[in-house]
Amino acid sequence: MTGAELLSYCLAKPGAWKDEPWDGDTVVKVGPKIFAFLGTAGATVGVKCGRNRDDAGEWLTRFPDDATASAYIGRYGWNTLRLNGAIGDDEILEAVDTSYDTVVAALPRKDRP
């Protein structure tokens, strides 16, 4: 899967929109909240994989070469997953779906799609 394909997948979700809050860094938001951080080279995606670091740690155990705790926000359950490695495309898409669903569930009703 390419970074462009992943971006298209993210943007197809209800209420999703692309933003560049930091120069050169693309994120996809639903309402005012980010649900996917897309790596600058299109080689990674940062997603919410659990409620906290313990919940999200399963990814690091299963894919030690392709999953890392996201910088700064990893303690809140965010992981960075490498595309085109040991993590299959279906699992990447499932992780994006989970991140989206988790973020939407935490939004106030007025901001939900």
C-alpha atoms as a PDB file:
ATOM      1  CA  MET A   1       0.000   0.000   0.000  1.00  0.00           C
ATOM      2  CA  THR A   2       1.251   3.456  -0.815  1.00  0.00           C
ATOM      3  CA  GLY A   3       0.923   6.557   1.304  1.00  0.00           C
ATOM      4  CA  ALA A   4      -1.441   8.031  -1.300  1.00  0.00           C
ATOM      5  CA  GLU A   5      -3.704   4.970  -1.134  1.00  0.00           C
ATOM      6  CA  LEU A   6      -3.771   5.172   2.648  1.00  0.00           C
ATOM      7  CA  LEU A   7      -4.602   8.884   2.520  1.00  0.00           C
ATOM      8  CA  SER A   8      -7.495   8.158   0.140  1.00  0.00           C
ATOM      9  CA  TYR A   9      -8.743   5.432   2.474  1.00  0.00           C
ATOM     10  CA  CYS A  10      -8.639   7.811   5.450  1.00  0.00           C
ATOM     11  CA  LEU A  11     -10.384  10.617   3.567  1.00  0.00           C
ATOM     12  CA  ALA A  12     -13.232   8.283   2.539  1.00  0.00           C
ATOM     13  CA  LYS A  13     -14.348   8.059   6.176  1.00  0.00           C
ATOM     14  CA  PRO A  14     -17.380  10.186   7.145  1.00  0.00           C
ATOM     15  CA  GLY A  15     -16.341  13.687   8.217  1.00  0.00           C
ATOM     16  CA  ALA A  16     -12.632  13.092   7.512  1.00  0.00           C
ATOM     17  CA  TRP A  17     -10.493  15.934   6.228  1.00  0.00           C
ATOM     18  CA  LYS A  18      -6.817  16.522   5.513  1.00  0.00           C
ATOM     19  CA  ASP A  19      -4.802  19.061   7.471  1.00  0.00           C
ATOM     20  CA  GLU A  20      -1.161  20.159   7.682  1.00  0.00           C
ATOM     21  CA  PRO A  21      -0.859  21.649  11.171  1.00  0.00           C
ATOM     22  CA  TRP A  22       2.946  21.449  11.006  1.00  0.00           C
ATOM     23  CA  ASP A  23       4.931  22.305   7.895  1.00  0.00           C
ATOM     24  CA  GLY A  24       5.118  19.206   5.692  1.00  0.00           C
ATOM     25  CA  ASP A  25       3.266  16.878   8.063  1.00  0.00           C
ATOM     26  CA  THR A  26      -0.068  15.544   6.854  1.00  0.00           C
ATOM     27  CA  VAL A  27      -2.724  14.432   9.303  1.00  0.00           C
ATOM     28  CA  VAL A  28      -6.303  13.302   8.806  1.00  0.00           C
ATOM     29  CA  LYS A  29      -8.914  14.625  11.219  1.00  0.00           C
ATOM     30  CA  VAL A  30     -12.511  13.962  12.034  1.00  0.00           C
ATOM     31  CA  GLY A  31     -14.079  17.046  13.526  1.00  0.00           C
ATOM     32  CA  PRO A  32     -11.259  18.866  15.311  1.00  0.00           C
ATOM     33  CA  LYS A  33      -9.314  15.699  16.284  1.00  0.00           C
ATOM     34  CA  ILE A  34      -6.565  13.777  14.491  1.00  0.00           C
ATOM     35  CA  PHE A  35      -7.112  10.073  13.867  1.00  0.00           C
ATOM     36  CA  ALA A  36      -4.148   9.422  11.518  1.00  0.00           C
ATOM     37  CA  PHE A  37      -0.671  10.926  11.237  1.00  0.00           C
ATOM     38  CA  LEU A  38       0.738  10.217   7.774  1.00  0.00           C
ATOM     39  CA  GLY A  39       4.516  10.061   7.590  1.00  0.00           C
ATOM     40  CA  THR A  40       6.215  12.617   5.337  1.00  0.00           C
ATOM     41  CA  ALA A  41       7.599   9.951   2.978  1.00  0.00           C
ATOM     42  CA  GLY A  42       4.309   8.032   2.949  1.00  0.00           C
ATOM     43  CA  ALA A  43       6.003   5.119   4.653  1.00  0.00           C
ATOM     44  CA  THR A  44       4.277   5.233   8.057  1.00  0.00           C
ATOM     45  CA  VAL A  45       0.980   5.976   9.722  1.00  0.00           C
ATOM     46  CA  GLY A  46       0.419   7.000  13.337  1.00  0.00           C
ATOM     47  CA  VAL A  47      -2.835   5.711  14.807  1.00  0.00           C
ATOM     48  CA  LYS A  48      -4.493   5.318  18.188  1.00  0.00           C
ATOM     49  CA  CYS A  49      -4.091   1.601  18.971  1.00  0.00           C
ATOM     50  CA  GLY A  50      -5.417   1.531  22.532  1.00  0.00           C
ATOM     51  CA  ARG A  51      -6.602   3.527  25.512  1.00  0.00           C
ATOM     52  CA  ASN A  52      -3.085   3.674  26.940  1.00  0.00           C
ATOM     53  CA  ARG A  53       0.445   2.392  26.418  1.00  0.00           C
ATOM     54  CA  ASP A  54      -0.335  -1.033  27.881  1.00  0.00           C
ATOM     55  CA  ASP A  55      -3.241  -1.579  25.472  1.00  0.00           C
ATOM     56  CA  ALA A  56      -1.242  -0.372  22.460  1.00  0.00           C
ATOM     57  CA  GLY A  57       1.844  -2.388  23.429  1.00  0.00           C
ATOM     58  CA  GLU A  58       0.528  -5.515  21.706  1.00  0.00           C
ATOM     59  CA  TRP A  59       1.522  -4.022  18.337  1.00  0.00           C
ATOM     60  CA  LEU A  60       5.098  -3.524  19.501  1.00  0.00           C
ATOM     61  CA  THR A  61       5.289  -7.135  20.657  1.00  0.00           C
ATOM     62  CA  ARG A  62       3.766  -8.549  17.465  1.00  0.00           C
ATOM     63  CA  PHE A  63       5.721  -6.335  15.054  1.00  0.00           C
ATOM     64  CA  PRO A  64       8.948  -5.243  16.790  1.00  0.00           C
ATOM     65  CA  ASP A  65      10.549  -4.039  13.535  1.00  0.00           C
ATOM     66  CA  ASP A  66       7.504  -2.249  12.135  1.00  0.00           C
ATOM     67  CA  ALA A  67       5.638  -0.717  15.100  1.00  0.00           C
ATOM     68  CA  THR A  68       6.879   1.861  17.575  1.00  0.00           C
ATOM     69  CA  ALA A  69       5.286   4.009  20.241  1.00  0.00           C
ATOM     70  CA  SER A  70       4.579   7.407  18.684  1.00  0.00           C
ATOM     71  CA  ALA A  71       6.793  10.239  19.860  1.00  0.00           C
ATOM     72  CA  TYR A  72       5.229  12.452  22.540  1.00  0.00           C
ATOM     73  CA  ILE A  73       1.792  10.769  22.446  1.00  0.00           C
ATOM     74  CA  GLY A  74       2.752   7.105  22.679  1.00  0.00           C
ATOM     75  CA  ARG A  75       1.808   6.987  26.348  1.00  0.00           C
ATOM     76  CA  TYR A  76      -1.775   7.703  25.290  1.00  0.00           C
ATOM     77  CA  GLY A  77      -1.949   4.586  23.092  1.00  0.00           C
ATOM     78  CA  TRP A  78      -0.629   5.974  19.808  1.00  0.00           C
ATOM     79  CA  ASN A  79       1.699   3.841  17.660  1.00  0.00           C
ATOM     80  CA  THR A  80       3.544   4.491  14.422  1.00  0.00           C
ATOM     81  CA  LEU A  81       3.146   1.597  11.990  1.00  0.00           C
ATOM     82  CA  ARG A  82       5.444   1.079   9.002  1.00  0.00           C
ATOM     83  CA  LEU A  83       3.742   0.405   5.681  1.00  0.00           C
ATOM     84  CA  ASN A  84       4.907  -2.425   3.409  1.00  0.00           C
ATOM     85  CA  GLY A  85       6.673  -4.321   6.168  1.00  0.00           C
ATOM     86  CA  ALA A  86       5.542  -7.268   8.259  1.00  0.00           C
ATOM     87  CA  ILE A  87       2.207  -5.609   9.043  1.00  0.00           C
ATOM     88  CA  GLY A  88      -0.270  -6.566   6.321  1.00  0.00           C
ATOM     89  CA  ASP A  89      -2.339  -3.978   4.500  1.00  0.00           C
ATOM     90  CA  ASP A  90      -5.535  -5.381   6.027  1.00  0.00           C
ATOM     91  CA  GLU A  91      -4.112  -4.927   9.538  1.00  0.00           C
ATOM     92  CA  ILE A  92      -3.026  -1.360   8.730  1.00  0.00           C
ATOM     93  CA  LEU A  93      -6.533  -0.544   7.492  1.00  0.00           C
ATOM     94  CA  GLU A  94      -8.061  -2.185  10.559  1.00  0.00           C
ATOM     95  CA  ALA A  95      -5.794  -0.054  12.776  1.00  0.00           C
ATOM     96  CA  VAL A  96      -6.933   3.083  10.919  1.00  0.00           C
ATOM     97  CA  ASP A  97     -10.572   2.017  11.361  1.00  0.00           C
ATOM     98  CA  THR A  98     -10.029   1.461  15.085  1.00  0.00           C
ATOM     99  CA  SER A  99      -8.292   4.823  15.478  1.00  0.00           C
ATOM    100  CA  TYR A 100     -11.118   6.588  13.629  1.00  0.00           C
ATOM    101  CA  ASP A 101     -13.818   4.841  15.679  1.00  0.00           C
ATOM    102  CA  THR A 102     -12.009   5.608  18.948  1.00  0.00           C
ATOM    103  CA  VAL A 103     -11.583   9.282  18.106  1.00  0.00           C
ATOM    104  CA  VAL A 104     -15.196   9.664  16.895  1.00  0.00           C
ATOM    105  CA  ALA A 105     -16.524   8.013  20.072  1.00  0.00           C
ATOM    106  CA  ALA A 106     -14.658  10.593  22.192  1.00  0.00           C
ATOM    107  CA  LEU A 107     -15.978  13.599  20.234  1.00  0.00           C
ATOM    108  CA  PRO A 108     -18.839  15.693  21.564  1.00  0.00           C
ATOM    109  CA  ARG A 109     -22.070  14.913  19.684  1.00  0.00           C
ATOM    110  CA  LYS A 110     -21.951  18.233  17.858  1.00  0.00           C
ATOM    111  CA  ASP A 111     -18.599  17.317  16.264  1.00  0.00           C
ATOM    112  CA  ARG A 112     -19.486  13.746  15.239  1.00  0.00           C
ATOM    113  CA  PRO A 113     -20.151  13.004  11.573  1.00  0.00           C
END
